[in-house]
Amino acid sequence: MTDETVPTLVAHRGYPSKYPENTLLGIQAAVQAGAHWFECDVQCSKDLIPFLCHDDSLKRTAGLDRTIMDLSAAELHKLDVGYATRFGDKYTGTDPTPLSELIAWLNQQPGIQAFVEIKAESLEHFGHEVVVDKVMQAIQPALGQCIVISFDALCLKLARQRGAGPVGWALDDASLATVKLAAEFRPEYLFVGTRLFDEAKAAIKSQHQWAVYQVQEPAKAVALTEQGADLVETDAIGEMLAAFP
């Protein structure tokens, strides 16, 4: 391993191997562990407030079999997203994190970059323009530290129209249609799973940075970097960073 093959690590959903995912608590822990990059997911509440949340359902992290789009921000603040089925009562009382709260904290963290993923469920439920407008308004105070990402290319085009800087497109495949679209709108980052990385890298030649998810083994992160990954996402950011002192 050389300096060029030391992976640049991204804290995937914060620090979910040790803390509830997509919470300010977990993201702060990731940064305290040494992360300079993190990724979080965004869904919108019934009243169109962006919150950190991956699933549209709240069952997995909050134990409530309702969708986030059916609850107002006030109702969400009454929930506990301490992920009891994984962590027991260790993080009981953890509130859902509004995107605006994360951004207020991020604005005080120089040198830290956030990938903010807009999820498809909210885009489909409320409409692309409405959701992108709300997310862009929320990240405005720390716009230079945020890269909007999504599996939805239209979402990213709208974000650019609303002042986003670099954007990242998460790929489902490496089909001819995907290759053509990547060449057309030229996202600065392409996100891809480990299984698709080789195929996608061989197919897509436009200029961008590759972000590969998600890896928990240091040797695998090094191997991906040697193969051309610019960024490697991990759930275990502290442990992975400790492997590359």
C-alpha atoms as a PDB file:
ATOM      1  CA  MET A   1       0.000   0.000   0.000  1.00  0.00           C
ATOM      2  CA  THR A   2       1.263   3.470  -0.939  1.00  0.00           C
ATOM      3  CA  ASP A   3       0.034   6.955  -0.065  1.00  0.00           C
ATOM      4  CA  GLU A   4      -1.903   6.911  -3.338  1.00  0.00           C
ATOM      5  CA  THR A   5      -3.815   3.777  -2.353  1.00  0.00           C
ATOM      6  CA  VAL A   6      -4.792   4.813   1.175  1.00  0.00           C
ATOM      7  CA  PRO A   7      -8.592   4.958   0.870  1.00  0.00           C
ATOM      8  CA  THR A   8     -10.510   8.189   1.304  1.00  0.00           C
ATOM      9  CA  LEU A   9     -13.302   7.020   3.570  1.00  0.00           C
ATOM     10  CA  VAL A  10     -16.870   8.297   3.774  1.00  0.00           C
ATOM     11  CA  ALA A  11     -18.984   7.707   6.882  1.00  0.00           C
ATOM     12  CA  HIS A  12     -22.070   5.956   5.480  1.00  0.00           C
ATOM     13  CA  ARG A  13     -25.197   7.219   7.281  1.00  0.00           C
ATOM     14  CA  GLY A  14     -22.921   8.462  10.058  1.00  0.00           C
ATOM     15  CA  TYR A  15     -21.495   5.687  12.239  1.00  0.00           C
ATOM     16  CA  PRO A  16     -24.177   2.963  12.088  1.00  0.00           C
ATOM     17  CA  SER A  17     -22.001   0.147  13.392  1.00  0.00           C
ATOM     18  CA  LYS A  18     -22.042   1.911  16.778  1.00  0.00           C
ATOM     19  CA  TYR A  19     -24.733   4.619  16.693  1.00  0.00           C
ATOM     20  CA  PRO A  20     -28.253   5.007  15.301  1.00  0.00           C
ATOM     21  CA  GLU A  21     -28.013   5.722  11.590  1.00  0.00           C
ATOM     22  CA  ASN A  22     -28.905   9.065  10.027  1.00  0.00           C
ATOM     23  CA  THR A  23     -28.831  10.941  13.322  1.00  0.00           C
ATOM     24  CA  LEU A  24     -26.847  13.996  14.321  1.00  0.00           C
ATOM     25  CA  LEU A  25     -25.484  11.897  17.195  1.00  0.00           C
ATOM     26  CA  GLY A  26     -24.024   9.316  14.827  1.00  0.00           C
ATOM     27  CA  ILE A  27     -22.651  11.863  12.380  1.00  0.00           C
ATOM     28  CA  GLN A  28     -20.980  13.832  15.163  1.00  0.00           C
ATOM     29  CA  ALA A  29     -19.408  10.591  16.412  1.00  0.00           C
ATOM     30  CA  ALA A  30     -18.114   9.849  12.910  1.00  0.00           C
ATOM     31  CA  VAL A  31     -16.479  13.270  12.667  1.00  0.00           C
ATOM     32  CA  GLN A  32     -15.020  12.909  16.160  1.00  0.00           C
ATOM     33  CA  ALA A  33     -13.531   9.599  14.999  1.00  0.00           C
ATOM     34  CA  GLY A  34     -11.749  11.452  12.194  1.00  0.00           C
ATOM     35  CA  ALA A  35     -14.155  11.412   9.243  1.00  0.00           C
ATOM     36  CA  HIS A  36     -13.880  14.320   6.817  1.00  0.00           C
ATOM     37  CA  TRP A  37     -16.699  13.020   4.623  1.00  0.00           C
ATOM     38  CA  PHE A  38     -20.091  11.633   5.554  1.00  0.00           C
ATOM     39  CA  GLU A  39     -23.243  10.595   3.727  1.00  0.00           C
ATOM     40  CA  CYS A  40     -26.808  10.965   4.959  1.00  0.00           C
ATOM     41  CA  ASP A  41     -30.260  10.258   3.527  1.00  0.00           C
ATOM     42  CA  VAL A  42     -33.209  12.636   3.380  1.00  0.00           C
ATOM     43  CA  GLN A  43     -36.949  12.032   3.332  1.00  0.00           C
ATOM     44  CA  CYS A  44     -39.686  14.649   3.813  1.00  0.00           C
ATOM     45  CA  SER A  45     -42.369  14.794   6.474  1.00  0.00           C
ATOM     46  CA  LYS A  46     -46.055  15.336   5.714  1.00  0.00           C
ATOM     47  CA  ASP A  47     -45.524  19.089   6.049  1.00  0.00           C
ATOM     48  CA  LEU A  48     -42.469  18.968   3.765  1.00  0.00           C
ATOM     49  CA  ILE A  49     -39.728  19.283   6.365  1.00  0.00           C
ATOM     50  CA  PRO A  50     -36.617  17.325   5.282  1.00  0.00           C
ATOM     51  CA  PHE A  51     -35.419  14.844   7.917  1.00  0.00           C
ATOM     52  CA  LEU A  52     -32.486  12.449   7.992  1.00  0.00           C
ATOM     53  CA  CYS A  53     -34.036   9.082   7.186  1.00  0.00           C
ATOM     54  CA  HIS A  54     -33.241   6.272   4.762  1.00  0.00           C
ATOM     55  CA  ASP A  55     -36.435   4.207   4.602  1.00  0.00           C
ATOM     56  CA  ASP A  56     -39.837   5.649   3.878  1.00  0.00           C
ATOM     57  CA  SER A  57     -41.131   3.428   6.710  1.00  0.00           C
ATOM     58  CA  LEU A  58     -40.252   4.246  10.316  1.00  0.00           C
ATOM     59  CA  LYS A  59     -40.615   0.640  11.445  1.00  0.00           C
ATOM     60  CA  ARG A  60     -36.949  -0.361  11.340  1.00  0.00           C
ATOM     61  CA  THR A  61     -35.432   2.545  13.273  1.00  0.00           C
ATOM     62  CA  ALA A  62     -38.381   3.806  15.357  1.00  0.00           C
ATOM     63  CA  GLY A  63     -40.581   0.712  15.660  1.00  0.00           C
ATOM     64  CA  LEU A  64     -43.547   2.521  14.114  1.00  0.00           C
ATOM     65  CA  ASP A  65     -45.232   0.970  11.077  1.00  0.00           C
ATOM     66  CA  ARG A  66     -45.979   4.315   9.402  1.00  0.00           C
ATOM     67  CA  THR A  67     -44.325   6.178   6.569  1.00  0.00           C
ATOM     68  CA  ILE A  68     -42.426   9.361   7.303  1.00  0.00           C
ATOM     69  CA  MET A  69     -44.466  11.147   4.618  1.00  0.00           C
ATOM     70  CA  ASP A  70     -47.655  10.524   6.648  1.00  0.00           C
ATOM     71  CA  LEU A  71     -46.403  12.289   9.791  1.00  0.00           C
ATOM     72  CA  SER A  72     -45.852  15.975  10.467  1.00  0.00           C
ATOM     73  CA  ALA A  73     -42.579  17.315  11.814  1.00  0.00           C
ATOM     74  CA  ALA A  74     -44.247  17.781  15.215  1.00  0.00           C
ATOM     75  CA  GLU A  75     -45.323  14.135  15.224  1.00  0.00           C
ATOM     76  CA  LEU A  76     -41.863  12.974  14.175  1.00  0.00           C
ATOM     77  CA  HIS A  77     -40.260  14.857  17.057  1.00  0.00           C
ATOM     78  CA  LYS A  78     -42.263  12.657  19.440  1.00  0.00           C
ATOM     79  CA  LEU A  79     -40.619   9.516  18.070  1.00  0.00           C
ATOM     80  CA  ASP A  80     -37.499   7.726  19.275  1.00  0.00           C
ATOM     81  CA  VAL A  81     -35.106   6.691  16.496  1.00  0.00           C
ATOM     82  CA  GLY A  82     -32.597   5.046  18.822  1.00  0.00           C
ATOM     83  CA  TYR A  83     -32.982   1.826  16.761  1.00  0.00           C
ATOM     84  CA  ALA A  84     -33.957  -0.341  19.735  1.00  0.00           C
ATOM     85  CA  THR A  85     -34.029  -3.569  17.722  1.00  0.00           C
ATOM     86  CA  ARG A  86     -30.294  -3.140  17.142  1.00  0.00           C
ATOM     87  CA  PHE A  87     -29.016  -1.205  20.155  1.00  0.00           C
ATOM     88  CA  GLY A  88     -31.580  -1.998  22.859  1.00  0.00           C
ATOM     89  CA  ASP A  89     -32.112   0.944  25.202  1.00  0.00           C
ATOM     90  CA  LYS A  90     -28.580   2.371  24.742  1.00  0.00           C
ATOM     91  CA  TYR A  91     -29.792   5.305  22.651  1.00  0.00           C
ATOM     92  CA  THR A  92     -33.337   5.630  23.973  1.00  0.00           C
ATOM     93  CA  GLY A  93     -34.599   9.154  23.522  1.00  0.00           C
ATOM     94  CA  THR A  94     -32.783   9.876  20.258  1.00  0.00           C
ATOM     95  CA  ASP A  95     -34.830  12.374  18.273  1.00  0.00           C
ATOM     96  CA  PRO A  96     -35.176  12.327  14.488  1.00  0.00           C
ATOM     97  CA  THR A  97     -32.805  14.911  13.006  1.00  0.00           C
ATOM     98  CA  PRO A  98     -34.194  17.637  10.739  1.00  0.00           C
ATOM     99  CA  LEU A  99     -31.851  18.407   7.868  1.00  0.00           C
ATOM    100  CA  SER A 100     -31.767  22.048   8.981  1.00  0.00           C
ATOM    101  CA  GLU A 101     -30.362  20.985  12.367  1.00  0.00           C
ATOM    102  CA  LEU A 102     -27.609  18.973  10.713  1.00  0.00           C
ATOM    103  CA  ILE A 103     -26.754  21.889   8.438  1.00  0.00           C
ATOM    104  CA  ALA A 104     -26.550  24.342  11.350  1.00  0.00           C
ATOM    105  CA  TRP A 105     -23.986  22.030  12.970  1.00  0.00           C
ATOM    106  CA  LEU A 106     -22.141  21.355   9.690  1.00  0.00           C
ATOM    107  CA  ASN A 107     -21.774  25.090   9.112  1.00  0.00           C
ATOM    108  CA  GLN A 108     -19.555  25.165  12.209  1.00  0.00           C
ATOM    109  CA  GLN A 109     -17.358  22.260  11.023  1.00  0.00           C
ATOM    110  CA  PRO A 110     -14.761  23.578   8.568  1.00  0.00           C
ATOM    111  CA  GLY A 111     -13.255  20.936   6.321  1.00  0.00           C
ATOM    112  CA  ILE A 112     -16.171  18.512   6.659  1.00  0.00           C
ATOM    113  CA  GLN A 113     -18.105  17.545   3.523  1.00  0.00           C
ATOM    114  CA  ALA A 114     -21.584  16.007   3.396  1.00  0.00           C
ATOM    115  CA  PHE A 115     -23.179  13.899   0.692  1.00  0.00           C
ATOM    116  CA  VAL A 116     -26.916  14.569   1.054  1.00  0.00           C
ATOM    117  CA  GLU A 117     -28.970  11.867  -0.662  1.00  0.00           C
ATOM    118  CA  ILE A 118     -32.520  12.742  -1.686  1.00  0.00           C
ATOM    119  CA  LYS A 119     -34.552   9.535  -1.547  1.00  0.00           C
ATOM    120  CA  ALA A 120     -36.837   8.356  -4.319  1.00  0.00           C
ATOM    121  CA  GLU A 121     -39.870   7.722  -2.087  1.00  0.00           C
ATOM    122  CA  SER A 122     -40.212  11.387  -1.142  1.00  0.00           C
ATOM    123  CA  LEU A 123     -39.631  12.505  -4.733  1.00  0.00           C
ATOM    124  CA  GLU A 124     -42.393  10.192  -5.926  1.00  0.00           C
ATOM    125  CA  HIS A 125     -44.789  11.119  -3.125  1.00  0.00           C
ATOM    126  CA  PHE A 126     -44.506  14.904  -3.181  1.00  0.00           C
ATOM    127  CA  GLY A 127     -43.025  15.597  -6.615  1.00  0.00           C
ATOM    128  CA  HIS A 128     -39.482  16.356  -7.701  1.00  0.00           C
ATOM    129  CA  GLU A 129     -39.608  20.134  -7.733  1.00  0.00           C
ATOM    130  CA  VAL A 130     -41.218  20.445  -4.296  1.00  0.00           C
ATOM    131  CA  VAL A 131     -38.743  18.108  -2.588  1.00  0.00           C
ATOM    132  CA  VAL A 132     -35.657  19.493  -4.314  1.00  0.00           C
ATOM    133  CA  ASP A 133     -36.734  23.037  -3.402  1.00  0.00           C
ATOM    134  CA  LYS A 134     -37.091  22.104   0.267  1.00  0.00           C
ATOM    135  CA  VAL A 135     -33.747  20.313   0.423  1.00  0.00           C
ATOM    136  CA  MET A 136     -31.905  23.098  -1.369  1.00  0.00           C
ATOM    137  CA  GLN A 137     -33.397  25.666   1.012  1.00  0.00           C
ATOM    138  CA  ALA A 138     -32.287  23.589   3.992  1.00  0.00           C
ATOM    139  CA  ILE A 139     -28.681  23.140   2.855  1.00  0.00           C
ATOM    140  CA  GLN A 140     -28.194  26.745   1.740  1.00  0.00           C
ATOM    141  CA  PRO A 141     -26.344  27.860   4.922  1.00  0.00           C
ATOM    142  CA  ALA A 142     -23.618  25.248   4.270  1.00  0.00           C
ATOM    143  CA  LEU A 143     -24.028  24.861   0.513  1.00  0.00           C
ATOM    144  CA  GLY A 144     -20.286  24.750  -0.126  1.00  0.00           C
ATOM    145  CA  GLN A 145     -19.963  21.739   2.177  1.00  0.00           C
ATOM    146  CA  CYS A 146     -22.844  19.763   0.644  1.00  0.00           C
ATOM    147  CA  ILE A 147     -22.968  17.535  -2.419  1.00  0.00           C
ATOM    148  CA  VAL A 148     -26.501  16.546  -3.394  1.00  0.00           C
ATOM    149  CA  ILE A 149     -26.747  12.920  -4.478  1.00  0.00           C
ATOM    150  CA  SER A 150     -29.598  10.697  -5.633  1.00  0.00           C
ATOM    151  CA  PHE A 151     -30.479   7.632  -7.673  1.00  0.00           C
ATOM    152  CA  ASP A 152     -32.804   9.993  -9.568  1.00  0.00           C
ATOM    153  CA  ALA A 153     -31.059  11.930 -12.348  1.00  0.00           C
ATOM    154  CA  LEU A 154     -33.917  14.423 -12.754  1.00  0.00           C
ATOM    155  CA  CYS A 155     -33.579  15.330  -9.095  1.00  0.00           C
ATOM    156  CA  LEU A 156     -29.912  16.164  -9.623  1.00  0.00           C
ATOM    157  CA  LYS A 157     -30.607  18.259 -12.711  1.00  0.00           C
ATOM    158  CA  LEU A 158     -33.165  20.270 -10.722  1.00  0.00           C
ATOM    159  CA  ALA A 159     -30.704  20.676  -7.842  1.00  0.00           C
ATOM    160  CA  ARG A 160     -28.156  22.130 -10.243  1.00  0.00           C
ATOM    161  CA  GLN A 161     -30.771  24.577 -11.542  1.00  0.00           C
ATOM    162  CA  ARG A 162     -31.333  25.663  -7.936  1.00  0.00           C
ATOM    163  CA  GLY A 163     -27.689  26.385  -7.237  1.00  0.00           C
ATOM    164  CA  ALA A 164     -26.173  23.056  -6.226  1.00  0.00           C
ATOM    165  CA  GLY A 165     -22.455  22.701  -6.784  1.00  0.00           C
ATOM    166  CA  PRO A 166     -21.121  19.204  -7.458  1.00  0.00           C
ATOM    167  CA  VAL A 167     -23.727  16.429  -7.566  1.00  0.00           C
ATOM    168  CA  GLY A 168     -23.499  12.661  -7.307  1.00  0.00           C
ATOM    169  CA  TRP A 169     -25.547  10.117  -9.227  1.00  0.00           C
ATOM    170  CA  ALA A 170     -26.050   6.711  -7.623  1.00  0.00           C
ATOM    171  CA  LEU A 171     -26.252   3.992 -10.255  1.00  0.00           C
ATOM    172  CA  ASP A 172     -28.607   1.026 -10.437  1.00  0.00           C
ATOM    173  CA  ASP A 173     -26.883  -0.465 -13.483  1.00  0.00           C
ATOM    174  CA  ALA A 174     -24.311   0.106 -16.209  1.00  0.00           C
ATOM    175  CA  SER A 175     -26.697  -0.133 -19.161  1.00  0.00           C
ATOM    176  CA  LEU A 176     -26.284   1.788 -22.405  1.00  0.00           C
ATOM    177  CA  ALA A 177     -29.001   4.196 -21.232  1.00  0.00           C
ATOM    178  CA  THR A 178     -27.079   4.851 -18.019  1.00  0.00           C
ATOM    179  CA  VAL A 179     -23.824   5.398 -19.896  1.00  0.00           C
ATOM    180  CA  LYS A 180     -25.545   7.845 -22.252  1.00  0.00           C
ATOM    181  CA  LEU A 181     -27.188   9.780 -19.419  1.00  0.00           C
ATOM    182  CA  ALA A 182     -23.928   9.989 -17.450  1.00  0.00           C
ATOM    183  CA  ALA A 183     -22.221  11.470 -20.513  1.00  0.00           C
ATOM    184  CA  GLU A 184     -25.106  13.894 -21.032  1.00  0.00           C
ATOM    185  CA  PHE A 185     -25.304  15.579 -17.636  1.00  0.00           C
ATOM    186  CA  ARG A 186     -21.841  14.712 -16.296  1.00  0.00           C
ATOM    187  CA  PRO A 187     -22.282  14.356 -12.530  1.00  0.00           C
ATOM    188  CA  GLU A 188     -19.125  15.125 -10.607  1.00  0.00           C
ATOM    189  CA  TYR A 189     -19.510  11.898  -8.583  1.00  0.00           C
ATOM    190  CA  LEU A 190     -20.825   8.459  -9.469  1.00  0.00           C
ATOM    191  CA  PHE A 191     -21.900   6.223  -6.592  1.00  0.00           C
ATOM    192  CA  VAL A 192     -21.938   2.486  -7.127  1.00  0.00           C
ATOM    193  CA  GLY A 193     -22.106  -0.717  -5.106  1.00  0.00           C
ATOM    194  CA  THR A 194     -19.077  -2.963  -4.888  1.00  0.00           C
ATOM    195  CA  ARG A 195     -20.611  -5.596  -7.188  1.00  0.00           C
ATOM    196  CA  LEU A 196     -21.312  -3.103  -9.961  1.00  0.00           C
ATOM    197  CA  PHE A 197     -18.081  -1.106  -9.699  1.00  0.00           C
ATOM    198  CA  ASP A 198     -15.939  -2.985 -12.223  1.00  0.00           C
ATOM    199  CA  GLU A 199     -18.678  -3.109 -14.855  1.00  0.00           C
ATOM    200  CA  ALA A 200     -19.659   0.524 -14.407  1.00  0.00           C
ATOM    201  CA  LYS A 201     -16.069   1.755 -14.426  1.00  0.00           C
ATOM    202  CA  ALA A 202     -15.388  -0.086 -17.667  1.00  0.00           C
ATOM    203  CA  ALA A 203     -18.520   1.318 -19.298  1.00  0.00           C
ATOM    204  CA  ILE A 204     -18.537   4.966 -18.171  1.00  0.00           C
ATOM    205  CA  LYS A 205     -15.560   7.073 -19.223  1.00  0.00           C
ATOM    206  CA  SER A 206     -16.770  10.632 -18.526  1.00  0.00           C
ATOM    207  CA  GLN A 207     -14.812  12.644 -15.962  1.00  0.00           C
ATOM    208  CA  HIS A 208     -16.045  12.161 -12.411  1.00  0.00           C
ATOM    209  CA  GLN A 209     -15.028  10.657  -9.096  1.00  0.00           C
ATOM    210  CA  TRP A 210     -16.067   7.126  -8.157  1.00  0.00           C
ATOM    211  CA  ALA A 211     -17.624   6.550  -4.727  1.00  0.00           C
ATOM    212  CA  VAL A 212     -18.051   2.867  -3.852  1.00  0.00           C
ATOM    213  CA  TYR A 213     -20.317   1.555  -1.073  1.00  0.00           C
ATOM    214  CA  GLN A 214     -20.185  -0.041   1.374  1.00  0.00           C
ATOM    215  CA  VAL A 215     -17.058  -1.673   2.749  1.00  0.00           C
ATOM    216  CA  GLN A 216     -16.158  -2.756   6.267  1.00  0.00           C
ATOM    217  CA  GLU A 217     -12.785  -4.447   5.573  1.00  0.00           C
ATOM    218  CA  PRO A 218      -9.592  -2.351   5.264  1.00  0.00           C
ATOM    219  CA  ALA A 219      -8.044  -4.700   2.687  1.00  0.00           C
ATOM    220  CA  LYS A 220     -11.142  -4.450   0.487  1.00  0.00           C
ATOM    221  CA  ALA A 221     -11.039  -0.647   0.714  1.00  0.00           C
ATOM    222  CA  VAL A 222      -7.401  -0.653  -0.404  1.00  0.00           C
ATOM    223  CA  ALA A 223      -8.165  -3.014  -3.281  1.00  0.00           C
ATOM    224  CA  LEU A 224     -11.024  -0.799  -4.493  1.00  0.00           C
ATOM    225  CA  THR A 225      -8.802   2.265  -4.294  1.00  0.00           C
ATOM    226  CA  GLU A 226      -6.174   0.493  -6.361  1.00  0.00           C
ATOM    227  CA  GLN A 227      -8.891  -0.274  -8.906  1.00  0.00           C
ATOM    228  CA  GLY A 228      -9.823   3.401  -9.189  1.00  0.00           C
ATOM    229  CA  ALA A 229     -12.278   4.171  -6.392  1.00  0.00           C
ATOM    230  CA  ASP A 230     -11.817   7.772  -5.241  1.00  0.00           C
ATOM    231  CA  LEU A 231     -14.038   7.389  -2.172  1.00  0.00           C
ATOM    232  CA  VAL A 232     -15.101   4.334  -0.169  1.00  0.00           C
ATOM    233  CA  GLU A 233     -18.170   4.370   2.063  1.00  0.00           C
ATOM    234  CA  THR A 234     -18.201   2.435   5.323  1.00  0.00           C
ATOM    235  CA  ASP A 235     -20.516   1.789   8.273  1.00  0.00           C
ATOM    236  CA  ALA A 236     -17.535   1.376  10.617  1.00  0.00           C
ATOM    237  CA  ILE A 237     -15.750   4.664  10.091  1.00  0.00           C
ATOM    238  CA  GLY A 238     -13.773   4.678  13.339  1.00  0.00           C
ATOM    239  CA  GLU A 239     -12.406   1.186  12.927  1.00  0.00           C
ATOM    240  CA  MET A 240     -11.618   1.709   9.262  1.00  0.00           C
ATOM    241  CA  LEU A 241      -9.798   5.002   9.890  1.00  0.00           C
ATOM    242  CA  ALA A 242      -7.761   3.348  12.634  1.00  0.00           C
ATOM    243  CA  ALA A 243      -6.495   0.836  10.068  1.00  0.00           C
ATOM    244  CA  PHE A 244      -4.861   3.673   8.089  1.00  0.00           C
ATOM    245  CA  PRO A 245      -2.986   5.799  10.650  1.00  0.00           C
END
